[in-house]
Amino acid sequence: MEKQIIPAVIAQDQDELMAILDKIGNHARLIQLDVMDGRFVPNRSLDFDFNIPAGKYIYEAHLMIQDPLTWLDQSGDMMQTIIAHFEVLDEPGNFIEAAKKKGKKAGLAINPETGLDSILPYLKDLDQVLIMTVHPGAYGSRFLSEMLVKIRTLRAKAPGLDIEVDGGISPDTIWFVCEAGANMFVSGSYLIKADNLGKNVEILWKSLRDEL
């Protein structure tokens, strides 16, 4: 399966968002926008009417919010993929259906404490699953290695599914999540806070290639 390294963007206002996108430049094609409402997670990010340059990037929204269906209806057109957290959805099937009706890819994210069994009934309708390897909501959280079992189990159950991992991705961890079965690697602080983002992207790719 195609492997992708994905910068994760947290921004408090439009100027910060544009500065981060400018820093990413041509070093990534797919970008994850972390939307936080201060309720599902303590922090806030992209909880304003933001604008993003069309055509340059492929965007996925990681919705760490209490009401992903409303966000999907109001802002989903800007995205190619919408990922909502299983923990806030009364009827995950309704979210998946709504995303597909908009012509979007649909993903479910699960927090570390959420069992994999909770999303298994929806796998056939999902485009991807996002497994959190940190407790969500901020850059720089500690990587939870015990989540590798969850990744391995999901890959065994869904050989053709895009499995994305978010949290603590660095040169020290990316190979382990790859070996466990993930093919999409979201990196926040290691990339966004880097003095040279492009160099750190290359280091992550090298960490993968050296072990493949």
N, C-alpha and C. Protein backbone atom coordinates (compact mmCIF):
# COMPACT_ATOMS: atom_id res chain seq x y z
N MET A 1 0.84 -1.20 0.00
CA MET A 1 0.00 0.00 0.00
C MET A 1 0.88 1.24 0.00
N GLU A 2 0.34 2.31 -0.59
CA GLU A 2 1.10 3.56 -0.63
C GLU A 2 1.31 4.10 0.78
N LYS A 3 2.54 4.51 1.04
CA LYS A 3 2.86 5.10 2.32
C LYS A 3 2.90 6.62 2.18
N GLN A 4 2.40 7.31 3.21
CA GLN A 4 2.35 8.77 3.17
C GLN A 4 2.77 9.34 4.52
N ILE A 5 3.58 10.39 4.47
CA ILE A 5 3.93 11.16 5.66
C ILE A 5 3.14 12.46 5.59
N ILE A 6 2.40 12.74 6.65
CA ILE A 6 1.38 13.78 6.64
C ILE A 6 1.63 14.79 7.75
N PRO A 7 1.96 16.04 7.44
CA PRO A 7 2.06 17.05 8.49
C PRO A 7 0.69 17.35 9.09
N ALA A 8 0.66 17.54 10.40
CA ALA A 8 -0.57 17.89 11.10
C ALA A 8 -0.52 19.36 11.51
N VAL A 9 -1.57 20.08 11.17
CA VAL A 9 -1.59 21.53 11.38
C VAL A 9 -2.55 21.89 12.50
N ILE A 10 -2.02 22.57 13.52
CA ILE A 10 -2.81 23.19 14.58
C ILE A 10 -2.61 24.70 14.44
N ALA A 11 -3.70 25.46 14.39
CA ALA A 11 -3.57 26.91 14.21
C ALA A 11 -4.68 27.63 14.97
N GLN A 12 -4.33 28.79 15.52
CA GLN A 12 -5.28 29.58 16.30
C GLN A 12 -5.95 30.67 15.48
N ASP A 13 -5.36 31.03 14.36
CA ASP A 13 -5.96 32.07 13.51
C ASP A 13 -5.47 31.88 12.08
N GLN A 14 -6.02 32.67 11.17
CA GLN A 14 -5.71 32.51 9.76
C GLN A 14 -4.24 32.78 9.46
N ASP A 15 -3.67 33.77 10.14
CA ASP A 15 -2.26 34.09 9.89
C ASP A 15 -1.36 32.92 10.27
N GLU A 16 -1.64 32.29 11.42
CA GLU A 16 -0.83 31.15 11.84
C GLU A 16 -1.01 29.98 10.87
N LEU A 17 -2.23 29.77 10.42
CA LEU A 17 -2.49 28.70 9.45
C LEU A 17 -1.68 28.90 8.18
N MET A 18 -1.69 30.12 7.64
CA MET A 18 -0.98 30.38 6.40
C MET A 18 0.52 30.28 6.59
N ALA A 19 1.01 30.69 7.77
CA ALA A 19 2.45 30.59 8.04
C ALA A 19 2.89 29.13 8.07
N ILE A 20 2.06 28.26 8.65
CA ILE A 20 2.41 26.83 8.71
C ILE A 20 2.36 26.21 7.32
N LEU A 21 1.34 26.55 6.54
CA LEU A 21 1.26 26.03 5.17
C LEU A 21 2.46 26.50 4.34
N ASP A 22 2.87 27.74 4.56
CA ASP A 22 4.05 28.26 3.85
C ASP A 22 5.30 27.48 4.27
N LYS A 23 5.39 27.13 5.54
CA LYS A 23 6.54 26.36 6.02
C LYS A 23 6.55 24.96 5.41
N ILE A 24 5.37 24.36 5.28
CA ILE A 24 5.28 23.03 4.66
C ILE A 24 5.70 23.09 3.20
N GLY A 25 5.28 24.14 2.52
CA GLY A 25 5.70 24.35 1.13
C GLY A 25 5.42 23.14 0.26
N ASN A 26 6.45 22.69 -0.45
CA ASN A 26 6.31 21.55 -1.36
C ASN A 26 6.78 20.23 -0.73
N HIS A 27 6.91 20.21 0.59
CA HIS A 27 7.44 19.02 1.26
C HIS A 27 6.36 17.99 1.57
N ALA A 28 5.11 18.30 1.29
CA ALA A 28 4.02 17.35 1.49
C ALA A 28 2.93 17.63 0.48
N ARG A 29 2.19 16.60 0.16
CA ARG A 29 1.03 16.74 -0.73
C ARG A 29 -0.27 16.64 0.06
N LEU A 30 -0.29 15.74 1.05
CA LEU A 30 -1.47 15.55 1.91
C LEU A 30 -1.21 16.20 3.26
N ILE A 31 -2.15 17.01 3.71
CA ILE A 31 -2.02 17.72 4.98
C ILE A 31 -3.24 17.43 5.84
N GLN A 32 -2.99 17.16 7.11
CA GLN A 32 -4.09 16.99 8.05
C GLN A 32 -4.32 18.29 8.82
N LEU A 33 -5.56 18.74 8.82
CA LEU A 33 -5.96 19.92 9.58
C LEU A 33 -6.65 19.45 10.85
N ASP A 34 -6.07 19.80 12.00
CA ASP A 34 -6.60 19.37 13.29
C ASP A 34 -7.60 20.41 13.80
N VAL A 35 -8.87 20.03 13.78
CA VAL A 35 -9.95 20.92 14.22
C VAL A 35 -10.34 20.52 15.64
N MET A 36 -10.23 21.47 16.58
CA MET A 36 -10.54 21.20 17.99
C MET A 36 -11.47 22.28 18.52
N ASP A 37 -12.43 21.85 19.33
CA ASP A 37 -13.46 22.79 19.80
C ASP A 37 -13.33 23.16 21.27
N GLY A 38 -12.28 22.67 21.94
CA GLY A 38 -12.13 22.98 23.36
C GLY A 38 -13.06 22.20 24.26
N ARG A 39 -13.82 21.27 23.69
CA ARG A 39 -14.74 20.46 24.49
C ARG A 39 -14.37 18.98 24.42
N PHE A 40 -14.27 18.44 23.22
CA PHE A 40 -13.83 17.05 23.09
C PHE A 40 -12.39 16.89 23.56
N VAL A 41 -11.57 17.89 23.25
CA VAL A 41 -10.22 17.99 23.80
C VAL A 41 -10.10 19.38 24.42
N PRO A 42 -9.17 19.57 25.37
CA PRO A 42 -9.11 20.87 26.06
C PRO A 42 -8.69 22.03 25.16
N ASN A 43 -7.88 21.76 24.15
CA ASN A 43 -7.36 22.83 23.32
C ASN A 43 -8.31 23.19 22.19
N ARG A 44 -8.00 24.32 21.53
CA ARG A 44 -8.79 24.77 20.39
C ARG A 44 -7.85 24.94 19.20
N SER A 45 -8.38 24.66 18.02
CA SER A 45 -7.60 24.83 16.79
C SER A 45 -8.56 24.88 15.61
N LEU A 46 -8.32 25.81 14.71
CA LEU A 46 -9.10 25.94 13.49
C LEU A 46 -10.60 25.97 13.77
N ASP A 47 -10.95 26.61 14.90
CA ASP A 47 -12.37 26.75 15.26
C ASP A 47 -12.88 28.12 14.84
N PHE A 48 -12.44 28.55 13.65
CA PHE A 48 -12.86 29.81 13.06
C PHE A 48 -13.11 29.55 11.58
N ASP A 49 -13.67 30.51 10.88
CA ASP A 49 -13.94 30.35 9.46
C ASP A 49 -12.65 30.55 8.67
N PHE A 50 -11.90 29.47 8.52
CA PHE A 50 -10.59 29.58 7.88
C PHE A 50 -10.69 29.35 6.38
N ASN A 51 -9.67 29.82 5.69
CA ASN A 51 -9.54 29.61 4.25
C ASN A 51 -8.24 28.86 3.98
N ILE A 52 -8.27 27.99 2.99
CA ILE A 52 -7.08 27.24 2.61
C ILE A 52 -6.91 27.31 1.10
N PRO A 53 -5.66 27.36 0.63
CA PRO A 53 -5.44 27.43 -0.81
C PRO A 53 -5.88 26.15 -1.50
N ALA A 54 -6.73 26.29 -2.49
CA ALA A 54 -7.24 25.12 -3.21
C ALA A 54 -6.25 24.67 -4.26
N GLY A 55 -6.17 23.37 -4.46
CA GLY A 55 -5.38 22.82 -5.56
C GLY A 55 -3.96 22.44 -5.21
N LYS A 56 -3.35 23.15 -4.27
CA LYS A 56 -1.95 22.87 -3.96
C LYS A 56 -1.79 21.60 -3.14
N TYR A 57 -2.72 21.38 -2.22
CA TYR A 57 -2.63 20.24 -1.32
C TYR A 57 -3.92 19.41 -1.37
N ILE A 58 -3.81 18.18 -0.89
CA ILE A 58 -4.97 17.39 -0.53
C ILE A 58 -5.15 17.55 0.97
N TYR A 59 -6.38 17.82 1.38
CA TYR A 59 -6.64 18.09 2.80
C TYR A 59 -7.53 17.02 3.42
N GLU A 60 -7.16 16.64 4.63
CA GLU A 60 -8.07 15.85 5.45
C GLU A 60 -8.28 16.59 6.76
N ALA A 61 -9.52 16.54 7.24
CA ALA A 61 -9.86 17.19 8.51
C ALA A 61 -9.96 16.11 9.59
N HIS A 62 -9.19 16.29 10.65
CA HIS A 62 -9.28 15.43 11.82
C HIS A 62 -10.11 16.19 12.84
N LEU A 63 -11.36 15.77 12.99
CA LEU A 63 -12.32 16.53 13.79
C LEU A 63 -12.31 16.04 15.23
N MET A 64 -11.61 16.77 16.07
CA MET A 64 -11.60 16.50 17.51
C MET A 64 -12.61 17.44 18.16
N ILE A 65 -13.88 17.21 17.79
CA ILE A 65 -14.97 18.10 18.18
C ILE A 65 -16.19 17.27 18.55
N GLN A 66 -17.12 17.92 19.25
CA GLN A 66 -18.32 17.22 19.72
C GLN A 66 -19.37 17.04 18.62
N ASP A 67 -19.36 17.89 17.60
CA ASP A 67 -20.44 17.85 16.61
C ASP A 67 -19.87 17.79 15.19
N PRO A 68 -19.30 16.65 14.81
CA PRO A 68 -18.69 16.56 13.49
C PRO A 68 -19.70 16.66 12.34
N LEU A 69 -20.93 16.26 12.54
CA LEU A 69 -21.91 16.34 11.46
C LEU A 69 -22.21 17.78 11.06
N THR A 70 -22.31 18.67 12.05
CA THR A 70 -22.53 20.08 11.73
C THR A 70 -21.32 20.66 11.01
N TRP A 71 -20.12 20.32 11.47
CA TRP A 71 -18.91 20.82 10.81
C TRP A 71 -18.84 20.31 9.37
N LEU A 72 -19.15 19.04 9.19
CA LEU A 72 -19.15 18.46 7.86
C LEU A 72 -20.09 19.22 6.94
N ASP A 73 -21.28 19.54 7.43
CA ASP A 73 -22.27 20.26 6.63
C ASP A 73 -21.81 21.67 6.29
N GLN A 74 -21.16 22.34 7.25
CA GLN A 74 -20.82 23.75 7.07
C GLN A 74 -19.46 23.96 6.39
N SER A 75 -18.50 23.08 6.65
CA SER A 75 -17.13 23.33 6.19
C SER A 75 -16.52 22.16 5.42
N GLY A 76 -17.23 21.08 5.28
CA GLY A 76 -16.65 19.89 4.69
C GLY A 76 -16.27 19.99 3.24
N ASP A 77 -16.85 20.95 2.51
CA ASP A 77 -16.57 21.05 1.08
C ASP A 77 -15.10 21.32 0.79
N MET A 78 -14.37 21.90 1.73
CA MET A 78 -12.96 22.24 1.51
C MET A 78 -12.05 21.02 1.56
N MET A 79 -12.56 19.92 2.11
CA MET A 79 -11.73 18.75 2.40
C MET A 79 -11.93 17.65 1.37
N GLN A 80 -10.93 16.79 1.28
CA GLN A 80 -11.08 15.57 0.50
C GLN A 80 -11.44 14.38 1.40
N THR A 81 -11.01 14.43 2.66
CA THR A 81 -11.31 13.37 3.62
C THR A 81 -11.75 14.00 4.93
N ILE A 82 -12.77 13.41 5.54
CA ILE A 82 -13.26 13.88 6.84
C ILE A 82 -13.13 12.72 7.82
N ILE A 83 -12.46 12.98 8.94
CA ILE A 83 -12.26 11.96 9.97
C ILE A 83 -12.92 12.45 11.26
N ALA A 84 -13.86 11.68 11.76
CA ALA A 84 -14.52 12.01 13.02
C ALA A 84 -14.16 10.96 14.07
N HIS A 85 -14.24 11.38 15.32
CA HIS A 85 -13.94 10.44 16.40
C HIS A 85 -15.16 9.60 16.72
N PHE A 86 -14.93 8.30 16.77
CA PHE A 86 -15.99 7.37 17.13
C PHE A 86 -16.64 7.75 18.45
N GLU A 87 -15.85 8.28 19.38
CA GLU A 87 -16.32 8.52 20.74
C GLU A 87 -17.47 9.53 20.81
N VAL A 88 -17.63 10.38 19.80
CA VAL A 88 -18.68 11.42 19.87
C VAL A 88 -19.88 11.09 18.99
N LEU A 89 -19.82 9.99 18.27
CA LEU A 89 -20.88 9.69 17.29
C LEU A 89 -21.90 8.72 17.88
N ASP A 90 -23.14 9.18 17.95
CA ASP A 90 -24.21 8.28 18.37
C ASP A 90 -24.46 7.20 17.32
N GLU A 91 -24.40 7.60 16.06
CA GLU A 91 -24.60 6.68 14.94
C GLU A 91 -23.48 6.88 13.93
N PRO A 92 -22.36 6.19 14.08
CA PRO A 92 -21.25 6.38 13.13
C PRO A 92 -21.66 6.19 11.68
N GLY A 93 -22.60 5.29 11.44
CA GLY A 93 -23.05 5.08 10.07
C GLY A 93 -23.64 6.33 9.45
N ASN A 94 -24.31 7.16 10.25
CA ASN A 94 -24.88 8.40 9.72
C ASN A 94 -23.78 9.36 9.27
N PHE A 95 -22.71 9.44 10.06
CA PHE A 95 -21.59 10.30 9.67
C PHE A 95 -20.95 9.79 8.38
N ILE A 96 -20.70 8.50 8.30
CA ILE A 96 -20.08 7.94 7.10
C ILE A 96 -20.94 8.21 5.87
N GLU A 97 -22.24 8.01 6.01
CA GLU A 97 -23.16 8.26 4.90
C GLU A 97 -23.16 9.72 4.49
N ALA A 98 -23.15 10.64 5.48
CA ALA A 98 -23.17 12.06 5.17
C ALA A 98 -21.90 12.49 4.45
N ALA A 99 -20.75 11.95 4.88
CA ALA A 99 -19.49 12.28 4.21
C ALA A 99 -19.50 11.78 2.77
N LYS A 100 -19.98 10.55 2.56
CA LYS A 100 -20.00 9.98 1.22
C LYS A 100 -20.96 10.76 0.31
N LYS A 101 -22.07 11.24 0.86
CA LYS A 101 -23.02 12.02 0.06
C LYS A 101 -22.40 13.32 -0.43
N LYS A 102 -21.43 13.84 0.32
CA LYS A 102 -20.71 15.04 -0.10
C LYS A 102 -19.57 14.72 -1.05
N GLY A 103 -19.39 13.46 -1.35
CA GLY A 103 -18.31 13.06 -2.23
C GLY A 103 -16.96 13.01 -1.54
N LYS A 104 -16.96 12.84 -0.23
CA LYS A 104 -15.73 12.83 0.56
C LYS A 104 -15.37 11.42 1.01
N LYS A 105 -14.10 11.20 1.23
CA LYS A 105 -13.69 9.98 1.92
C LYS A 105 -14.04 10.11 3.39
N ALA A 106 -14.41 8.99 4.00
CA ALA A 106 -14.84 9.00 5.40
C ALA A 106 -13.89 8.16 6.24
N GLY A 107 -13.50 8.72 7.37
CA GLY A 107 -12.64 8.00 8.30
C GLY A 107 -13.17 8.08 9.71
N LEU A 108 -12.86 7.07 10.50
CA LEU A 108 -13.14 7.11 11.93
C LEU A 108 -11.82 7.09 12.68
N ALA A 109 -11.74 7.91 13.73
CA ALA A 109 -10.58 7.93 14.62
C ALA A 109 -10.99 7.33 15.95
N ILE A 110 -10.03 6.65 16.59
CA ILE A 110 -10.29 6.10 17.92
C ILE A 110 -9.16 6.49 18.86
N ASN A 111 -9.56 6.91 20.05
CA ASN A 111 -8.61 7.27 21.09
C ASN A 111 -7.95 6.01 21.67
N PRO A 112 -6.84 6.19 22.39
CA PRO A 112 -6.14 5.02 22.94
C PRO A 112 -7.01 4.12 23.80
N GLU A 113 -7.94 4.70 24.54
CA GLU A 113 -8.75 3.89 25.44
C GLU A 113 -9.94 3.22 24.75
N THR A 114 -10.17 3.52 23.48
CA THR A 114 -11.30 2.95 22.74
C THR A 114 -10.89 1.64 22.09
N GLY A 115 -11.66 0.60 22.35
CA GLY A 115 -11.34 -0.70 21.80
C GLY A 115 -11.60 -0.77 20.31
N LEU A 116 -10.81 -1.57 19.64
CA LEU A 116 -10.94 -1.73 18.20
C LEU A 116 -12.29 -2.34 17.80
N ASP A 117 -12.84 -3.18 18.65
CA ASP A 117 -14.11 -3.83 18.33
C ASP A 117 -15.21 -2.82 18.05
N SER A 118 -15.09 -1.62 18.61
CA SER A 118 -16.15 -0.63 18.47
C SER A 118 -16.36 -0.20 17.02
N ILE A 119 -15.31 -0.23 16.20
CA ILE A 119 -15.45 0.25 14.83
C ILE A 119 -15.52 -0.87 13.80
N LEU A 120 -15.35 -2.10 14.22
CA LEU A 120 -15.32 -3.20 13.26
C LEU A 120 -16.59 -3.30 12.41
N PRO A 121 -17.78 -3.00 12.95
CA PRO A 121 -18.98 -3.11 12.12
C PRO A 121 -19.00 -2.11 10.94
N TYR A 122 -18.13 -1.09 10.98
CA TYR A 122 -18.18 -0.04 9.95
C TYR A 122 -17.04 -0.15 8.94
N LEU A 123 -16.17 -1.13 9.09
CA LEU A 123 -14.97 -1.18 8.27
C LEU A 123 -15.28 -1.23 6.78
N LYS A 124 -16.32 -1.94 6.41
CA LYS A 124 -16.61 -2.11 4.98
C LYS A 124 -17.00 -0.80 4.31
N ASP A 125 -17.44 0.19 5.09
CA ASP A 125 -17.87 1.47 4.54
C ASP A 125 -16.83 2.58 4.69
N LEU A 126 -15.75 2.29 5.41
CA LEU A 126 -14.75 3.32 5.70
C LEU A 126 -13.64 3.34 4.64
N ASP A 127 -13.11 4.54 4.41
CA ASP A 127 -11.94 4.69 3.55
C ASP A 127 -10.65 4.58 4.36
N GLN A 128 -10.70 4.97 5.61
CA GLN A 128 -9.52 4.85 6.45
C GLN A 128 -9.90 4.87 7.93
N VAL A 129 -8.99 4.39 8.74
CA VAL A 129 -9.13 4.44 10.19
C VAL A 129 -7.89 5.12 10.75
N LEU A 130 -8.13 6.04 11.67
CA LEU A 130 -7.05 6.76 12.34
C LEU A 130 -6.93 6.25 13.77
N ILE A 131 -5.80 5.65 14.06
CA ILE A 131 -5.53 5.15 15.41
C ILE A 131 -4.63 6.15 16.13
N MET A 132 -5.14 6.67 17.23
CA MET A 132 -4.37 7.63 18.02
C MET A 132 -3.35 6.88 18.87
N THR A 133 -2.09 7.28 18.74
CA THR A 133 -1.03 6.70 19.57
C THR A 133 -0.56 7.67 20.64
N VAL A 134 -1.37 8.72 20.84
CA VAL A 134 -1.24 9.62 21.98
C VAL A 134 -2.66 9.97 22.42
N HIS A 135 -2.78 10.58 23.58
CA HIS A 135 -4.06 11.18 23.96
C HIS A 135 -4.16 12.50 23.19
N PRO A 136 -5.24 12.70 22.44
CA PRO A 136 -5.27 13.78 21.45
C PRO A 136 -5.43 15.17 22.05
N GLY A 137 -5.00 16.16 21.22
CA GLY A 137 -5.31 17.54 21.56
C GLY A 137 -4.13 18.48 21.61
N ALA A 138 -2.90 18.00 21.51
CA ALA A 138 -1.75 18.90 21.60
C ALA A 138 -0.55 18.26 20.92
N TYR A 139 0.36 19.14 20.43
CA TYR A 139 1.62 18.65 19.91
C TYR A 139 2.48 18.11 21.07
N GLY A 140 3.28 17.09 20.77
CA GLY A 140 4.33 16.67 21.68
C GLY A 140 3.95 15.68 22.75
N SER A 141 2.77 15.05 22.62
CA SER A 141 2.37 14.06 23.63
C SER A 141 3.20 12.78 23.49
N ARG A 142 3.23 11.99 24.54
CA ARG A 142 4.06 10.79 24.57
C ARG A 142 3.46 9.67 23.73
N PHE A 143 4.28 9.05 22.90
CA PHE A 143 3.88 7.93 22.07
C PHE A 143 3.54 6.72 22.94
N LEU A 144 2.39 6.12 22.69
CA LEU A 144 1.92 4.98 23.47
C LEU A 144 2.17 3.69 22.68
N SER A 145 3.26 3.03 23.00
CA SER A 145 3.67 1.86 22.22
C SER A 145 2.67 0.72 22.32
N GLU A 146 1.85 0.70 23.36
CA GLU A 146 0.87 -0.38 23.50
C GLU A 146 -0.20 -0.34 22.41
N MET A 147 -0.27 0.77 21.66
CA MET A 147 -1.22 0.86 20.55
C MET A 147 -0.78 0.05 19.33
N LEU A 148 0.45 -0.42 19.32
CA LEU A 148 0.93 -1.21 18.17
C LEU A 148 0.11 -2.49 18.00
N VAL A 149 -0.32 -3.06 19.09
CA VAL A 149 -1.15 -4.27 19.01
C VAL A 149 -2.46 -3.95 18.28
N LYS A 150 -3.02 -2.81 18.57
CA LYS A 150 -4.27 -2.41 17.92
C LYS A 150 -4.07 -2.25 16.41
N ILE A 151 -2.94 -1.68 16.02
CA ILE A 151 -2.64 -1.51 14.59
C ILE A 151 -2.50 -2.88 13.92
N ARG A 152 -1.76 -3.78 14.55
CA ARG A 152 -1.57 -5.12 13.97
C ARG A 152 -2.89 -5.85 13.81
N THR A 153 -3.73 -5.74 14.82
CA THR A 153 -5.01 -6.44 14.77
C THR A 153 -5.89 -5.89 13.66
N LEU A 154 -5.92 -4.57 13.52
CA LEU A 154 -6.73 -3.96 12.46
C LEU A 154 -6.20 -4.35 11.09
N ARG A 155 -4.89 -4.37 10.90
CA ARG A 155 -4.35 -4.74 9.59
C ARG A 155 -4.70 -6.18 9.24
N ALA A 156 -4.69 -7.05 10.22
CA ALA A 156 -5.06 -8.44 9.96
C ALA A 156 -6.52 -8.56 9.54
N LYS A 157 -7.37 -7.71 10.09
CA LYS A 157 -8.79 -7.76 9.77
C LYS A 157 -9.13 -7.01 8.48
N ALA A 158 -8.31 -6.05 8.10
CA ALA A 158 -8.61 -5.20 6.93
C ALA A 158 -7.34 -4.99 6.12
N PRO A 159 -6.93 -6.00 5.33
CA PRO A 159 -5.65 -5.92 4.60
C PRO A 159 -5.57 -4.76 3.61
N GLY A 160 -6.71 -4.32 3.07
CA GLY A 160 -6.66 -3.28 2.05
C GLY A 160 -7.01 -1.90 2.54
N LEU A 161 -7.21 -1.73 3.83
CA LEU A 161 -7.65 -0.46 4.39
C LEU A 161 -6.48 0.48 4.63
N ASP A 162 -6.68 1.78 4.37
CA ASP A 162 -5.70 2.78 4.78
C ASP A 162 -5.76 2.92 6.30
N ILE A 163 -4.65 2.60 6.95
CA ILE A 163 -4.55 2.74 8.40
C ILE A 163 -3.59 3.88 8.70
N GLU A 164 -4.11 4.88 9.37
CA GLU A 164 -3.37 6.09 9.69
C GLU A 164 -3.06 6.11 11.18
N VAL A 165 -1.88 6.59 11.52
CA VAL A 165 -1.47 6.69 12.92
C VAL A 165 -1.08 8.13 13.21
N ASP A 166 -1.56 8.63 14.34
CA ASP A 166 -1.32 10.02 14.71
C ASP A 166 -0.87 10.06 16.16
N GLY A 167 0.31 10.65 16.37
CA GLY A 167 0.76 10.85 17.74
C GLY A 167 2.16 10.34 17.99
N GLY A 168 3.08 11.26 18.25
CA GLY A 168 4.44 10.86 18.60
C GLY A 168 5.24 10.27 17.46
N ILE A 169 4.85 10.57 16.21
CA ILE A 169 5.58 10.01 15.08
C ILE A 169 6.89 10.78 14.90
N SER A 170 7.99 10.02 14.96
CA SER A 170 9.34 10.58 14.85
C SER A 170 10.22 9.50 14.23
N PRO A 171 11.51 9.79 13.98
CA PRO A 171 12.40 8.74 13.48
C PRO A 171 12.51 7.54 14.43
N ASP A 172 12.22 7.75 15.70
CA ASP A 172 12.33 6.65 16.67
C ASP A 172 11.10 5.75 16.70
N THR A 173 9.97 6.22 16.14
CA THR A 173 8.72 5.46 16.25
C THR A 173 8.12 5.06 14.91
N ILE A 174 8.46 5.74 13.82
CA ILE A 174 7.74 5.53 12.57
C ILE A 174 7.89 4.11 12.04
N TRP A 175 9.08 3.52 12.22
CA TRP A 175 9.25 2.16 11.73
C TRP A 175 8.35 1.18 12.48
N PHE A 176 8.18 1.37 13.77
CA PHE A 176 7.38 0.43 14.56
C PHE A 176 5.92 0.45 14.12
N VAL A 177 5.38 1.65 13.84
CA VAL A 177 3.99 1.70 13.40
C VAL A 177 3.85 1.19 11.97
N CYS A 178 4.89 1.37 11.17
CA CYS A 178 4.88 0.81 9.82
C CYS A 178 4.90 -0.72 9.88
N GLU A 179 5.80 -1.26 10.68
CA GLU A 179 5.91 -2.71 10.81
C GLU A 179 4.61 -3.31 11.35
N ALA A 180 3.91 -2.56 12.20
CA ALA A 180 2.65 -3.06 12.76
C ALA A 180 1.53 -3.08 11.71
N GLY A 181 1.68 -2.29 10.64
CA GLY A 181 0.68 -2.34 9.58
C GLY A 181 0.13 -1.02 9.10
N ALA A 182 0.55 0.09 9.71
CA ALA A 182 0.07 1.40 9.26
C ALA A 182 0.75 1.78 7.95
N ASN A 183 0.05 2.58 7.15
CA ASN A 183 0.67 3.09 5.92
C ASN A 183 0.56 4.61 5.79
N MET A 184 -0.11 5.26 6.75
CA MET A 184 -0.21 6.72 6.75
C MET A 184 0.27 7.22 8.11
N PHE A 185 1.23 8.16 8.08
CA PHE A 185 1.93 8.56 9.30
C PHE A 185 1.78 10.07 9.48
N VAL A 186 1.02 10.45 10.50
CA VAL A 186 0.78 11.86 10.78
C VAL A 186 1.82 12.34 11.79
N SER A 187 2.49 13.43 11.45
CA SER A 187 3.52 13.97 12.34
C SER A 187 3.23 15.45 12.60
N GLY A 188 3.11 15.78 13.88
CA GLY A 188 2.83 17.16 14.26
C GLY A 188 4.07 17.89 14.68
N SER A 189 4.43 17.77 15.95
CA SER A 189 5.52 18.60 16.48
C SER A 189 6.85 18.31 15.80
N TYR A 190 7.13 17.05 15.46
CA TYR A 190 8.43 16.74 14.84
C TYR A 190 8.62 17.50 13.53
N LEU A 191 7.55 17.73 12.80
CA LEU A 191 7.65 18.47 11.55
C LEU A 191 7.38 19.96 11.74
N ILE A 192 6.25 20.29 12.34
CA ILE A 192 5.82 21.69 12.37
C ILE A 192 6.75 22.55 13.22
N LYS A 193 7.31 21.99 14.27
CA LYS A 193 8.20 22.77 15.13
C LYS A 193 9.67 22.69 14.71
N ALA A 194 9.93 22.01 13.61
CA ALA A 194 11.31 21.85 13.15
C ALA A 194 11.85 23.15 12.56
N ASP A 195 13.15 23.38 12.75
CA ASP A 195 13.79 24.51 12.08
C ASP A 195 13.82 24.30 10.58
N ASN A 196 13.96 23.04 10.17
CA ASN A 196 14.00 22.70 8.74
C ASN A 196 13.01 21.56 8.51
N LEU A 197 11.78 21.92 8.19
CA LEU A 197 10.73 20.91 8.04
C LEU A 197 11.07 19.92 6.93
N GLY A 198 11.57 20.41 5.81
CA GLY A 198 11.90 19.54 4.70
C GLY A 198 12.94 18.49 5.08
N LYS A 199 13.94 18.89 5.84
CA LYS A 199 14.96 17.93 6.28
C LYS A 199 14.35 16.86 7.16
N ASN A 200 13.41 17.25 8.05
CA ASN A 200 12.79 16.27 8.94
C ASN A 200 11.87 15.32 8.18
N VAL A 201 11.22 15.81 7.12
CA VAL A 201 10.45 14.91 6.26
C VAL A 201 11.37 13.86 5.65
N GLU A 202 12.52 14.30 5.16
CA GLU A 202 13.49 13.36 4.56
C GLU A 202 13.98 12.34 5.59
N ILE A 203 14.19 12.78 6.83
CA ILE A 203 14.65 11.87 7.87
C ILE A 203 13.59 10.80 8.15
N LEU A 204 12.32 11.21 8.17
CA LEU A 204 11.26 10.23 8.38
C LEU A 204 11.22 9.21 7.25
N TRP A 205 11.34 9.69 6.00
CA TRP A 205 11.34 8.75 4.87
C TRP A 205 12.55 7.81 4.95
N LYS A 206 13.69 8.35 5.34
CA LYS A 206 14.88 7.52 5.47
C LYS A 206 14.69 6.46 6.56
N SER A 207 14.04 6.84 7.64
CA SER A 207 13.79 5.89 8.72
C SER A 207 12.92 4.74 8.23
N LEU A 208 11.98 5.03 7.34
CA LEU A 208 11.16 3.97 6.75
C LEU A 208 11.99 3.11 5.78
N ARG A 209 12.71 3.76 4.87
CA ARG A 209 13.42 3.03 3.81
C ARG A 209 14.54 2.16 4.38
N ASP A 210 15.18 2.65 5.43
CA ASP A 210 16.28 1.88 6.01
C ASP A 210 15.83 0.54 6.57
N GLU A 211 14.54 0.46 6.87
CA GLU A 211 14.04 -0.76 7.52
C GLU A 211 13.22 -1.62 6.56
N LEU A 212 12.86 -1.08 5.40
CA LEU A 212 12.00 -1.82 4.47
C LEU A 212 12.79 -2.92 3.77
